[in-house]
C-alpha atoms as a PDB file:
ATOM      1  CA  MET A   1     -65.511  -9.816  60.001  1.00  0.00           C
ATOM      2  CA  HIS A   2     -68.476 -10.386  62.002  1.00  0.00           C
ATOM      3  CA  HIS A   3     -69.770  -7.668  63.395  1.00  0.00           C
ATOM      4  CA  PRO A   4     -72.447  -5.770  61.722  1.00  0.00           C
ATOM      5  CA  LYS A   5     -71.521  -2.475  61.028  1.00  0.00           C
ATOM      6  CA  TYR A   6     -68.951  -4.625  58.337  1.00  0.00           C
ATOM      7  CA  GLN A   7     -71.779  -6.283  56.937  1.00  0.00           C
ATOM      8  CA  GLN A   8     -74.316  -3.535  55.244  1.00  0.00           C
ATOM      9  CA  PHE A   9     -72.947  -3.707  51.991  1.00  0.00           C
ATOM     10  CA  ASN A  10     -76.551  -1.663  50.442  1.00  0.00           C
ATOM     11  CA  LEU A  11     -75.569   1.812  52.173  1.00  0.00           C
ATOM     12  CA  PRO A  12     -74.949   3.990  49.760  1.00  0.00           C
ATOM     13  CA  ALA A  13     -71.312   5.787  50.399  1.00  0.00           C
ATOM     14  CA  TYR A  14     -72.296   9.076  51.163  1.00  0.00           C
ATOM     15  CA  VAL A  15     -74.328   7.784  54.548  1.00  0.00           C
ATOM     16  CA  GLN A  16     -71.619   5.451  55.566  1.00  0.00           C
ATOM     17  CA  ASP A  17     -68.767   3.399  54.439  1.00  0.00           C
ATOM     18  CA  PRO A  18     -68.953   0.279  56.413  1.00  0.00           C
ATOM     19  CA  PHE A  19     -64.825   0.448  55.560  1.00  0.00           C
ATOM     20  CA  LYS A  20     -63.899   4.331  56.379  1.00  0.00           C
ATOM     21  CA  PHE A  21     -60.783   4.348  58.924  1.00  0.00           C
ATOM     22  CA  GLU A  22     -62.053   6.202  62.480  1.00  0.00           C
ATOM     23  CA  LEU A  23     -59.873   8.577  63.583  1.00  0.00           C
ATOM     24  CA  ASN A  24     -60.846   8.912  66.696  1.00  0.00           C
ATOM     25  CA  MET A  25     -60.412   4.724  67.971  1.00  0.00           C
ATOM     26  CA  ALA A  26     -56.996   5.196  66.173  1.00  0.00           C
ATOM     27  CA  GLY A  27     -55.373   8.549  67.660  1.00  0.00           C
ATOM     28  CA  SER A  28     -53.184   6.491  69.966  1.00  0.00           C
ATOM     29  CA  LEU A  29     -51.307   4.690  66.947  1.00  0.00           C
ATOM     30  CA  LEU A  30     -51.328   7.645  64.689  1.00  0.00           C
ATOM     31  CA  ALA A  31     -49.750   9.618  67.543  1.00  0.00           C
ATOM     32  CA  ALA A  32     -46.092   8.560  67.143  1.00  0.00           C
ATOM     33  CA  TRP A  33     -46.205   9.420  63.282  1.00  0.00           C
ATOM     34  CA  ARG A  34     -46.615  13.548  64.109  1.00  0.00           C
ATOM     35  CA  ILE A  35     -44.070  13.433  66.657  1.00  0.00           C
ATOM     36  CA  PRO A  36     -40.542  14.287  64.573  1.00  0.00           C
ATOM     37  CA  ILE A  37     -37.094  12.744  65.086  1.00  0.00           C
ATOM     38  CA  LYS A  38     -34.702  14.416  66.049  1.00  0.00           C
ATOM     39  CA  VAL A  39     -31.403  14.016  65.113  1.00  0.00           C
ATOM     40  CA  THR A  40     -28.297  16.050  67.069  1.00  0.00           C
ATOM     41  CA  PRO A  41     -24.679  15.874  65.645  1.00  0.00           C
ATOM     42  CA  GLU A  42     -23.790  13.364  68.853  1.00  0.00           C
ATOM     43  CA  MET A  43     -26.397  10.386  67.383  1.00  0.00           C
ATOM     44  CA  ILE A  44     -24.953  11.394  64.465  1.00  0.00           C
ATOM     45  CA  ASP A  45     -21.156  10.868  65.534  1.00  0.00           C
ATOM     46  CA  LYS A  46     -21.880   7.914  67.186  1.00  0.00           C
ATOM     47  CA  ALA A  47     -23.309   5.817  64.205  1.00  0.00           C
ATOM     48  CA  SER A  48     -20.343   6.716  61.865  1.00  0.00           C
ATOM     49  CA  LYS A  49     -18.006   5.429  64.691  1.00  0.00           C
ATOM     50  CA  ASN A  50     -19.879   2.505  65.417  1.00  0.00           C
ATOM     51  CA  VAL A  51     -19.988   2.085  61.378  1.00  0.00           C
ATOM     52  CA  ALA A  52     -16.378   2.773  61.248  1.00  0.00           C
ATOM     53  CA  GLY A  53     -15.948  -0.484  64.223  1.00  0.00           C
ATOM     54  CA  VAL A  54     -17.781  -2.838  61.924  1.00  0.00           C
ATOM     55  CA  ALA A  55     -16.346  -2.211  59.353  1.00  0.00           C
ATOM     56  CA  ALA A  56     -12.426  -2.795  60.894  1.00  0.00           C
ATOM     57  CA  ARG A  57     -13.740  -5.754  62.547  1.00  0.00           C
ATOM     58  CA  LEU A  58     -14.796  -7.201  59.293  1.00  0.00           C
ATOM     59  CA  GLN A  59     -11.455  -6.156  58.032  1.00  0.00           C
ATOM     60  CA  MET A  60      -9.634  -8.024  60.753  1.00  0.00           C
ATOM     61  CA  ARG A  61     -11.587 -11.133  60.284  1.00  0.00           C
ATOM     62  CA  ASN A  62     -10.875 -10.926  56.034  1.00  0.00           C
ATOM     63  CA  LYS A  63      -7.349 -11.175  57.206  1.00  0.00           C
ATOM     64  CA  ARG A  64      -7.265 -13.766  59.554  1.00  0.00           C
ATOM     65  CA  VAL A  65      -9.114 -16.005  57.230  1.00  0.00           C
ATOM     66  CA  SER A  66      -6.850 -15.027  54.286  1.00  0.00           C
ATOM     67  CA  SER A  67      -3.849 -15.919  56.569  1.00  0.00           C
ATOM     68  CA  THR A  68      -5.471 -18.839  57.573  1.00  0.00           C
ATOM     69  CA  ASN A  69      -5.939 -20.383  53.992  1.00  0.00           C
ATOM     70  CA  SER A  70      -2.231 -19.866  53.157  1.00  0.00           C
ATOM     71  CA  ASN A  71      -1.032 -21.889  55.330  1.00  0.00           C
ATOM     72  CA  PRO A  72      -1.778 -25.427  54.464  1.00  0.00           C
ATOM     73  CA  GLY A  73       1.189 -27.166  55.951  1.00  0.00           C
ATOM     74  CA  ASP A  74      -0.442 -25.757  59.354  1.00  0.00           C
ATOM     75  CA  SER A  75      -0.261 -28.760  61.616  1.00  0.00           C
ATOM     76  CA  PRO A  76      -4.353 -30.487  62.465  1.00  0.00           C
ATOM     77  CA  THR A  77      -4.543 -29.616  66.067  1.00  0.00           C
ATOM     78  CA  LYS A  78      -4.068 -25.681  64.795  1.00  0.00           C
ATOM     79  CA  LYS A  79      -6.885 -25.928  61.921  1.00  0.00           C
ATOM     80  CA  LYS A  80     -10.100 -23.784  63.795  1.00  0.00           C
ATOM     81  CA  ALA A  81     -12.394 -26.647  64.370  1.00  0.00           C
ATOM     82  CA  ARG A  82     -15.283 -27.093  62.057  1.00  0.00           C
ATOM     83  CA  THR A  83     -18.939 -26.240  63.596  1.00  0.00           C
ATOM     84  CA  GLN A  84     -20.521 -28.450  61.561  1.00  0.00           C
ATOM     85  CA  ASP A  85     -21.088 -32.285  61.484  1.00  0.00           C
ATOM     86  CA  PRO A  86     -19.289 -33.091  57.476  1.00  0.00           C
ATOM     87  CA  SER A  87     -22.814 -35.772  56.833  1.00  0.00           C
ATOM     88  CA  ASP A  88     -24.454 -32.464  56.587  1.00  0.00           C
ATOM     89  CA  GLY A  89     -22.867 -31.333  53.330  1.00  0.00           C
ATOM     90  CA  SER A  90     -22.243 -28.075  55.098  1.00  0.00           C
ATOM     91  CA  ASN A  91     -18.301 -28.400  55.880  1.00  0.00           C
ATOM     92  CA  GLY A  92     -15.517 -26.082  57.581  1.00  0.00           C
ATOM     93  CA  THR A  93     -16.555 -23.034  59.574  1.00  0.00           C
ATOM     94  CA  GLU A  94     -18.694 -20.085  58.450  1.00  0.00           C
ATOM     95  CA  ALA A  95     -15.530 -18.212  58.230  1.00  0.00           C
ATOM     96  CA  ASP A  96     -14.513 -20.647  55.126  1.00  0.00           C
ATOM     97  CA  ARG A  97     -17.551 -20.947  53.886  1.00  0.00           C
ATOM     98  CA  SER A  98     -17.758 -17.445  53.493  1.00  0.00           C
ATOM     99  CA  ALA A  99     -14.236 -17.102  52.142  1.00  0.00           C
ATOM    100  CA  SER A 100     -15.061 -19.899  49.680  1.00  0.00           C
ATOM    101  CA  GLY A 101     -17.854 -18.224  48.716  1.00  0.00           C
ATOM    102  CA  ASP A 102     -16.039 -14.677  47.880  1.00  0.00           C
ATOM    103  CA  LYS A 103     -14.227 -16.524  45.611  1.00  0.00           C
ATOM    104  CA  SER A 104     -16.661 -18.266  44.275  1.00  0.00           C
ATOM    105  CA  SER A 105     -18.448 -14.919  43.543  1.00  0.00           C
ATOM    106  CA  SER A 106     -15.506 -12.723  42.313  1.00  0.00           C
ATOM    107  CA  ASN A 107     -14.840 -15.493  39.877  1.00  0.00           C
ATOM    108  CA  LEU A 108     -18.240 -15.918  38.710  1.00  0.00           C
ATOM    109  CA  ASP A 109     -18.529 -11.868  38.352  1.00  0.00           C
ATOM    110  CA  ALA A 110     -15.365 -12.913  36.376  1.00  0.00           C
ATOM    111  CA  ILE A 111     -16.516 -15.092  33.988  1.00  0.00           C
ATOM    112  CA  LEU A 112     -20.104 -13.305  33.196  1.00  0.00           C
ATOM    113  CA  ASP A 113     -18.446 -10.276  32.383  1.00  0.00           C
ATOM    114  CA  ASP A 114     -16.261 -12.051  30.159  1.00  0.00           C
ATOM    115  CA  VAL A 115     -18.677 -13.751  28.258  1.00  0.00           C
ATOM    116  CA  ALA A 116     -20.755 -10.664  28.656  1.00  0.00           C
ATOM    117  CA  LYS A 117     -18.071  -7.713  26.988  1.00  0.00           C
ATOM    118  CA  GLY A 118     -16.165 -10.435  25.072  1.00  0.00           C
ATOM    119  CA  GLY A 119     -13.326 -10.817  26.651  1.00  0.00           C
ATOM    120  CA  PHE A 120      -9.767 -12.798  24.345  1.00  0.00           C
ATOM    121  CA  ASP A 121      -9.283 -16.190  23.855  1.00  0.00           C
ATOM    122  CA  ALA A 122      -5.739 -18.399  25.026  1.00  0.00           C
ATOM    123  CA  GLU A 123      -4.539 -17.133  22.062  1.00  0.00           C
ATOM    124  CA  GLY A 124      -4.901 -13.036  22.830  1.00  0.00           C
ATOM    125  CA  LYS A 125      -7.492 -13.024  19.718  1.00  0.00           C
ATOM    126  CA  PRO A 126     -10.557 -11.028  20.503  1.00  0.00           C
ATOM    127  CA  ARG A 127     -13.567 -13.085  21.155  1.00  0.00           C
ATOM    128  CA  PRO A 128     -16.364 -12.931  18.158  1.00  0.00           C
ATOM    129  CA  LEU A 129     -19.691 -10.671  19.913  1.00  0.00           C
ATOM    130  CA  VAL A 130     -22.416 -12.978  18.038  1.00  0.00           C
ATOM    131  CA  ARG A 131     -25.405 -12.309  17.050  1.00  0.00           C
ATOM    132  CA  PHE A 132     -28.451 -14.951  15.217  1.00  0.00           C
ATOM    133  CA  SER A 133     -30.810 -13.671  12.617  1.00  0.00           C
ATOM    134  CA  GLY A 134     -33.562 -15.400  11.819  1.00  0.00           C
ATOM    135  CA  MET A 135     -33.368 -18.537  13.569  1.00  0.00           C
ATOM    136  CA  ASP A 136     -33.929 -20.141  16.809  1.00  0.00           C
ATOM    137  CA  ALA A 137     -30.631 -18.674  18.973  1.00  0.00           C
ATOM    138  CA  ALA A 138     -31.159 -20.630  22.466  1.00  0.00           C
ATOM    139  CA  GLU A 139     -29.597 -23.843  21.041  1.00  0.00           C
ATOM    140  CA  TRP A 140     -26.721 -22.125  18.960  1.00  0.00           C
ATOM    141  CA  SER A 141     -25.997 -19.704  21.550  1.00  0.00           C
ATOM    142  CA  LYS A 142     -25.034 -22.795  24.014  1.00  0.00           C
ATOM    143  CA  ASN A 143     -22.455 -24.246  21.430  1.00  0.00           C
ATOM    144  CA  LEU A 144     -20.810 -20.887  20.775  1.00  0.00           C
ATOM    145  CA  LEU A 145     -20.212 -20.133  24.572  1.00  0.00           C
ATOM    146  CA  ARG A 146     -19.131 -23.831  24.924  1.00  0.00           C
ATOM    147  CA  LEU A 147     -16.134 -22.869  22.009  1.00  0.00           C
ATOM    148  CA  GLY A 148     -15.293 -20.461  23.520  1.00  0.00           C
ATOM    149  CA  GLY A 149     -17.517 -17.418  21.988  1.00  0.00           C
ATOM    150  CA  SER A 150     -19.397 -14.817  23.380  1.00  0.00           C
ATOM    151  CA  LEU A 151     -22.897 -13.262  23.179  1.00  0.00           C
ATOM    152  CA  ALA A 152     -23.392  -9.638  21.585  1.00  0.00           C
ATOM    153  CA  SER A 153     -25.944  -7.138  23.894  1.00  0.00           C
ATOM    154  CA  THR A 154     -26.666  -5.467  21.369  1.00  0.00           C
ATOM    155  CA  ASN A 155     -26.562  -5.385  17.455  1.00  0.00           C
ATOM    156  CA  LYS A 156     -24.423  -2.320  17.582  1.00  0.00           C
ATOM    157  CA  GLU A 157     -21.519  -3.945  19.461  1.00  0.00           C
ATOM    158  CA  ALA A 158     -21.783  -7.410  17.340  1.00  0.00           C
ATOM    159  CA  THR A 159     -18.916  -8.305  15.356  1.00  0.00           C
ATOM    160  CA  HIS A 160     -20.258 -11.369  13.869  1.00  0.00           C
ATOM    161  CA  LEU A 161     -23.933 -11.973  12.559  1.00  0.00           C
ATOM    162  CA  VAL A 162     -24.841 -15.798  12.172  1.00  0.00           C
ATOM    163  CA  MET A 163     -27.918 -16.457   9.919  1.00  0.00           C
ATOM    164  CA  PRO A 164     -29.131 -19.288   7.173  1.00  0.00           C
ATOM    165  CA  ALA A 165     -30.260 -17.654   4.529  1.00  0.00           C
ATOM    166  CA  LEU A 166     -28.860 -14.047   3.057  1.00  0.00           C
ATOM    167  CA  VAL A 167     -32.814 -11.690   3.721  1.00  0.00           C
ATOM    168  CA  ARG A 168     -33.205  -8.376   4.869  1.00  0.00           C
ATOM    169  CA  THR A 169     -33.864  -8.585   8.159  1.00  0.00           C
ATOM    170  CA  PRO A 170     -34.135  -5.792  10.485  1.00  0.00           C
ATOM    171  CA  LYS A 171     -31.515  -7.414  12.665  1.00  0.00           C
ATOM    172  CA  LEU A 172     -28.935  -7.637   9.831  1.00  0.00           C
ATOM    173  CA  LEU A 173     -29.789  -4.062   8.925  1.00  0.00           C
ATOM    174  CA  CYS A 174     -29.039  -2.887  12.217  1.00  0.00           C
ATOM    175  CA  CYS A 175     -26.213  -5.320  12.841  1.00  0.00           C
ATOM    176  CA  ILE A 176     -24.222  -3.859   8.950  1.00  0.00           C
ATOM    177  CA  PRO A 177     -22.876  -0.497  10.535  1.00  0.00           C
ATOM    178  CA  SER A 178     -19.980  -2.643  12.647  1.00  0.00           C
ATOM    179  CA  VAL A 179     -20.341  -6.595  11.631  1.00  0.00           C
ATOM    180  CA  LYS A 180     -16.871  -7.964  10.488  1.00  0.00           C
ATOM    181  CA  PHE A 181     -18.802 -11.353   9.383  1.00  0.00           C
ATOM    182  CA  ILE A 182     -22.347 -12.139   8.135  1.00  0.00           C
ATOM    183  CA  LEU A 183     -22.013 -16.466   8.642  1.00  0.00           C
ATOM    184  CA  THR A 184     -24.381 -19.449   8.086  1.00  0.00           C
ATOM    185  CA  PRO A 185     -24.273 -21.612  10.535  1.00  0.00           C
ATOM    186  CA  GLN A 186     -22.477 -24.583   9.161  1.00  0.00           C
ATOM    187  CA  TRP A 187     -19.615 -21.981  10.549  1.00  0.00           C
ATOM    188  CA  ILE A 188     -20.476 -23.298  14.425  1.00  0.00           C
ATOM    189  CA  LYS A 189     -21.463 -26.677  13.248  1.00  0.00           C
ATOM    190  CA  ASP A 190     -18.109 -27.371  12.234  1.00  0.00           C
ATOM    191  CA  SER A 191     -16.058 -26.040  15.173  1.00  0.00           C
ATOM    192  CA  LEU A 192     -18.178 -28.186  17.497  1.00  0.00           C
ATOM    193  CA  GLN A 193     -16.486 -31.029  15.450  1.00  0.00           C
ATOM    194  CA  HIS A 194     -13.108 -29.386  16.063  1.00  0.00           C
ATOM    195  CA  GLY A 195     -13.566 -28.267  19.373  1.00  0.00           C
ATOM    196  CA  LYS A 196     -12.870 -24.293  18.485  1.00  0.00           C
ATOM    197  CA  LEU A 197     -14.044 -21.487  16.794  1.00  0.00           C
ATOM    198  CA  LEU A 198     -12.582 -22.232  13.206  1.00  0.00           C
ATOM    199  CA  ASP A 199     -11.492 -18.837  10.645  1.00  0.00           C
ATOM    200  CA  GLU A 200     -14.840 -17.622   9.383  1.00  0.00           C
ATOM    201  CA  GLN A 201     -13.404 -17.028   5.676  1.00  0.00           C
ATOM    202  CA  PRO A 202     -15.081 -19.938   3.928  1.00  0.00           C
ATOM    203  CA  TYR A 203     -18.074 -19.727   5.953  1.00  0.00           C
ATOM    204  CA  ILE A 204     -19.269 -16.079   4.683  1.00  0.00           C
ATOM    205  CA  HIS A 205     -22.285 -15.817   2.696  1.00  0.00           C
ATOM    206  CA  LYS A 206     -22.030 -15.527  -1.001  1.00  0.00           C
ATOM    207  CA  ASP A 207     -23.320 -12.895  -2.660  1.00  0.00           C
ATOM    208  CA  THR A 208     -25.604 -14.923  -4.115  1.00  0.00           C
ATOM    209  CA  GLY A 209     -28.949 -13.497  -2.085  1.00  0.00           C
ATOM    210  CA  PHE A 210     -28.977  -9.985  -3.404  1.00  0.00           C
ATOM    211  CA  GLY A 211     -31.757 -10.540  -5.329  1.00  0.00           C
ATOM    212  CA  ARG A 212     -33.617 -10.901  -1.875  1.00  0.00           C
ATOM    213  CA  LEU A 213     -32.241  -7.800  -0.374  1.00  0.00           C
ATOM    214  CA  GLY A 214     -34.638  -5.374  -1.837  1.00  0.00           C
ATOM    215  CA  SER A 215     -34.160  -3.431  -4.946  1.00  0.00           C
ATOM    216  CA  LEU A 216     -30.641  -3.608  -5.176  1.00  0.00           C
ATOM    217  CA  THR A 217     -29.376  -5.476  -8.234  1.00  0.00           C
ATOM    218  CA  ASP A 218     -25.670  -4.901  -7.962  1.00  0.00           C
ATOM    219  CA  PHE A 219     -25.427  -5.930  -3.762  1.00  0.00           C
ATOM    220  CA  SER A 220     -22.299  -7.691  -3.204  1.00  0.00           C
ATOM    221  CA  LEU A 221     -21.990  -8.892   0.850  1.00  0.00           C
ATOM    222  CA  THR A 222     -17.841  -8.199   0.158  1.00  0.00           C
ATOM    223  CA  LYS A 223     -17.956  -5.187  -1.697  1.00  0.00           C
ATOM    224  CA  LEU A 224     -20.303  -4.336   2.109  1.00  0.00           C
ATOM    225  CA  LEU A 225     -18.081  -5.718   4.411  1.00  0.00           C
ATOM    226  CA  ALA A 226     -15.258  -3.664   3.214  1.00  0.00           C
ATOM    227  CA  THR A 227     -16.629  -0.416   3.361  1.00  0.00           C
ATOM    228  CA  PRO A 228     -14.741   1.390   6.101  1.00  0.00           C
ATOM    229  CA  ASN A 229     -16.755   3.992   8.255  1.00  0.00           C
ATOM    230  CA  ARG A 230     -20.308   1.687   8.084  1.00  0.00           C
ATOM    231  CA  ASP A 231     -21.013   3.085  11.526  1.00  0.00           C
ATOM    232  CA  GLN A 232     -20.590   7.039   9.876  1.00  0.00           C
ATOM    233  CA  LEU A 233     -22.760   6.498   7.479  1.00  0.00           C
ATOM    234  CA  PHE A 234     -25.527   8.940   8.898  1.00  0.00           C
ATOM    235  CA  LYS A 235     -23.294  11.312  10.933  1.00  0.00           C
ATOM    236  CA  GLY A 236     -24.494  15.104  10.442  1.00  0.00           C
ATOM    237  CA  LYS A 237     -27.574  13.924   9.905  1.00  0.00           C
ATOM    238  CA  THR A 238     -30.883  14.082  12.029  1.00  0.00           C
ATOM    239  CA  PHE A 239     -34.097  12.636  11.714  1.00  0.00           C
ATOM    240  CA  TYR A 240     -37.696  12.756  12.462  1.00  0.00           C
ATOM    241  CA  ILE A 241     -39.784   9.329  11.837  1.00  0.00           C
ATOM    242  CA  THR A 242     -43.926   9.520  11.291  1.00  0.00           C
ATOM    243  CA  PRO A 243     -45.312   7.108  14.006  1.00  0.00           C
ATOM    244  CA  SER A 244     -47.078   4.484  10.809  1.00  0.00           C
ATOM    245  CA  VAL A 245     -43.662   4.186   9.101  1.00  0.00           C
ATOM    246  CA  VAL A 246     -42.774   0.205   8.876  1.00  0.00           C
ATOM    247  CA  PRO A 247     -40.714  -1.443   9.679  1.00  0.00           C
ATOM    248  CA  SER A 248     -41.306   0.198  13.336  1.00  0.00           C
ATOM    249  CA  ARG A 249     -40.017   3.651  14.594  1.00  0.00           C
ATOM    250  CA  SER A 250     -37.480   1.923  16.959  1.00  0.00           C
ATOM    251  CA  VAL A 251     -36.023  -0.570  14.703  1.00  0.00           C
ATOM    252  CA  LEU A 252     -35.208   2.483  12.167  1.00  0.00           C
ATOM    253  CA  ARG A 253     -34.100   4.669  15.002  1.00  0.00           C
ATOM    254  CA  GLU A 254     -31.949   1.737  15.662  1.00  0.00           C
ATOM    255  CA  MET A 255     -30.192   1.869  12.310  1.00  0.00           C
ATOM    256  CA  ILE A 256     -29.989   5.181  11.568  1.00  0.00           C
ATOM    257  CA  GLU A 257     -28.366   5.575  15.159  1.00  0.00           C
ATOM    258  CA  ASN A 258     -25.928   2.891  14.742  1.00  0.00           C
ATOM    259  CA  SER A 259     -25.090   4.577  11.258  1.00  0.00           C
ATOM    260  CA  GLY A 260     -23.786   7.636  12.843  1.00  0.00           C
ATOM    261  CA  GLY A 261     -26.887   9.289  12.652  1.00  0.00           C
ATOM    262  CA  LYS A 262     -29.617  10.968  15.415  1.00  0.00           C
ATOM    263  CA  VAL A 263     -33.437  10.923  15.673  1.00  0.00           C
ATOM    264  CA  ALA A 264     -35.524  13.862  16.646  1.00  0.00           C
ATOM    265  CA  SER A 265     -38.904  12.717  19.078  1.00  0.00           C
ATOM    266  CA  GLN A 266     -40.467  16.105  17.873  1.00  0.00           C
ATOM    267  CA  ARG A 267     -41.316  17.129  14.597  1.00  0.00           C
ATOM    268  CA  LYS A 268     -39.478  20.798  13.779  1.00  0.00           C
ATOM    269  CA  SER A 269     -41.257  23.560  12.339  1.00  0.00           C
ATOM    270  CA  LEU A 270     -41.135  23.891   8.297  1.00  0.00           C
ATOM    271  CA  LYS A 271     -39.833  27.376   9.238  1.00  0.00           C
ATOM    272  CA  ALA A 272     -37.012  25.978  11.466  1.00  0.00           C
ATOM    273  CA  ILE A 273     -36.507  22.549   8.889  1.00  0.00           C
ATOM    274  CA  ASN A 274     -35.994  25.098   5.564  1.00  0.00           C
ATOM    275  CA  GLU A 275     -32.943  26.574   7.970  1.00  0.00           C
ATOM    276  CA  VAL A 276     -31.340  23.519   8.840  1.00  0.00           C
ATOM    277  CA  ASN A 277     -31.241  22.327   5.566  1.00  0.00           C
ATOM    278  CA  GLN A 278     -30.010  26.013   3.774  1.00  0.00           C
ATOM    279  CA  MET A 279     -26.704  24.832   3.537  1.00  0.00           C
ATOM    280  CA  ASP A 280     -27.383  20.970   3.131  1.00  0.00           C
ATOM    281  CA  ASP A 281     -30.633  19.597   1.551  1.00  0.00           C
ATOM    282  CA  ASN A 282     -30.286  16.295   3.715  1.00  0.00           C
ATOM    283  CA  ALA A 283     -29.276  17.728   6.897  1.00  0.00           C
ATOM    284  CA  TYR A 284     -32.794  17.129   8.185  1.00  0.00           C
ATOM    285  CA  ILE A 285     -34.583  14.280   6.724  1.00  0.00           C
ATOM    286  CA  VAL A 286     -37.911  13.125   7.333  1.00  0.00           C
ATOM    287  CA  ILE A 287     -39.545   9.476   6.979  1.00  0.00           C
ATOM    288  CA  SER A 288     -42.820   8.699   6.385  1.00  0.00           C
ATOM    289  CA  CYS A 289     -46.220   6.836   4.494  1.00  0.00           C
ATOM    290  CA  ALA A 290     -49.202   6.855   3.314  1.00  0.00           C
ATOM    291  CA  ALA A 291     -50.755   6.453   6.638  1.00  0.00           C
ATOM    292  CA  ASP A 292     -49.198   9.596   8.188  1.00  0.00           C
ATOM    293  CA  LEU A 293     -49.624  11.909   4.939  1.00  0.00           C
ATOM    294  CA  HIS A 294     -51.626  14.341   7.140  1.00  0.00           C
ATOM    295  CA  LEU A 295     -48.639  14.653   9.574  1.00  0.00           C
ATOM    296  CA  ILE A 296     -46.380  16.143   6.732  1.00  0.00           C
ATOM    297  CA  ALA A 297     -48.470  17.963   4.187  1.00  0.00           C
ATOM    298  CA  ASP A 298     -47.273  20.971   4.763  1.00  0.00           C
ATOM    299  CA  LEU A 299     -43.786  19.832   4.534  1.00  0.00           C
ATOM    300  CA  ILE A 300     -44.894  17.619   1.155  1.00  0.00           C
ATOM    301  CA  LYS A 301     -46.888  21.028   0.113  1.00  0.00           C
ATOM    302  CA  SER A 302     -43.558  23.234   0.402  1.00  0.00           C
ATOM    303  CA  LYS A 303     -41.949  20.473  -1.302  1.00  0.00           C
ATOM    304  CA  ILE A 304     -39.405  19.302   1.039  1.00  0.00           C
ATOM    305  CA  GLY A 305     -38.091  16.413   1.067  1.00  0.00           C
ATOM    306  CA  VAL A 306     -40.205  13.213   2.684  1.00  0.00           C
ATOM    307  CA  TYR A 307     -38.744   9.605   2.025  1.00  0.00           C
ATOM    308  CA  HIS A 308     -40.021   6.381   2.473  1.00  0.00           C
ATOM    309  CA  SER A 309     -38.710   3.939   4.932  1.00  0.00           C
ATOM    310  CA  GLU A 310     -36.380   2.000   2.460  1.00  0.00           C
ATOM    311  CA  TYR A 311     -34.524   5.703   1.854  1.00  0.00           C
ATOM    312  CA  VAL A 312     -32.844   4.622   5.656  1.00  0.00           C
ATOM    313  CA  MET A 313     -32.707   1.037   4.523  1.00  0.00           C
ATOM    314  CA  SER A 314     -31.678   1.002   0.708  1.00  0.00           C
ATOM    315  CA  ALA A 315     -28.357   3.585   2.486  1.00  0.00           C
ATOM    316  CA  VAL A 316     -27.922   0.932   4.983  1.00  0.00           C
ATOM    317  CA  LEU A 317     -26.939  -1.995   2.023  1.00  0.00           C
ATOM    318  CA  SER A 318     -25.203   0.531  -0.835  1.00  0.00           C
ATOM    319  CA  GLN A 319     -23.519   2.315   2.279  1.00  0.00           C
ATOM    320  CA  THR A 320     -24.925   5.288  -0.929  1.00  0.00           C
ATOM    321  CA  ILE A 321     -27.291   7.527   0.852  1.00  0.00           C
ATOM    322  CA  VAL A 322     -30.142   8.336  -2.809  1.00  0.00           C
ATOM    323  CA  GLY A 323     -33.613   9.997  -2.545  1.00  0.00           C
ATOM    324  CA  PRO A 324     -34.950  10.300  -5.379  1.00  0.00           C
ATOM    325  CA  PRO A 325     -36.663   6.715  -5.964  1.00  0.00           C
ATOM    326  CA  PHE A 326     -37.838   6.873  -2.220  1.00  0.00           C
ATOM    327  CA  LEU A 327     -39.433  10.451  -2.467  1.00  0.00           C
ATOM    328  CA  MET A 328     -42.841  10.748  -1.591  1.00  0.00           C
ATOM    329  CA  GLY A 329     -45.422  12.358  -3.785  1.00  0.00           C
ATOM    330  CA  PRO A 330     -48.618  14.702  -3.109  1.00  0.00           C
END
């Protein structure tokens, strides 16, 4: 870097680039890259045999390790000598440590898989798959796992939703198609005191929170959770969602898809929508808002139904599709 050539910072690029890679000085280094490598069938066959030999040796070693571990009555003189000083914290032969590591790894994988997918408790009952909404889930999740519960990785697979108040949150609407119980956090608190997960019935949210769930005046959580096939509410229907809707497109997409519907990434033409809706007026549904009127002006002019996002949310909560109250006008 101290060479004068690399200290000329004021020269225009078209005159000289001080950091230009000079091929004439590196020709010998690049020559090898210009020569293709020839791989003959013999070389491939030799490599395959080497791989097979390594696999066979590993299999033989694993058999020896398992046979050694399965004979606890062997005398100390027959056991393999330790290769490390016990005081350094790494006791046993390398094979022993490898075997125990494999067991630990397999056990850990089984535990993680069991936690992720729910599994079954000691009584053979499916473990609850829980989601949390409207609360800090970090500490609650730890307590749930201690009690033998599991955390749902998605809203669609959740069987239990825990929330402090019955408020219409995106997670609530995304969980409704599949969830079996909507519970208060007291369920986990009391379960901790008893050392096991208690029956859910006493902790189900009461219907007194309906006033905060949109415009529904006759909302009943008990009736909602008893409704069958909630995951098929929008079956056979295709939605197109414009960019500026609230809640976001991704949230509405999850609500719709969890309820059996499909969401198109691009809008159909006016002619194609008319053809689809000839048999069913609600086969193709457009969800939009005032900010996106320029994107759906042709549909409104042709009196094709375009709805506010409340169309989706109200349908999920009531398990009934009602269009007119949420129809967008010109």
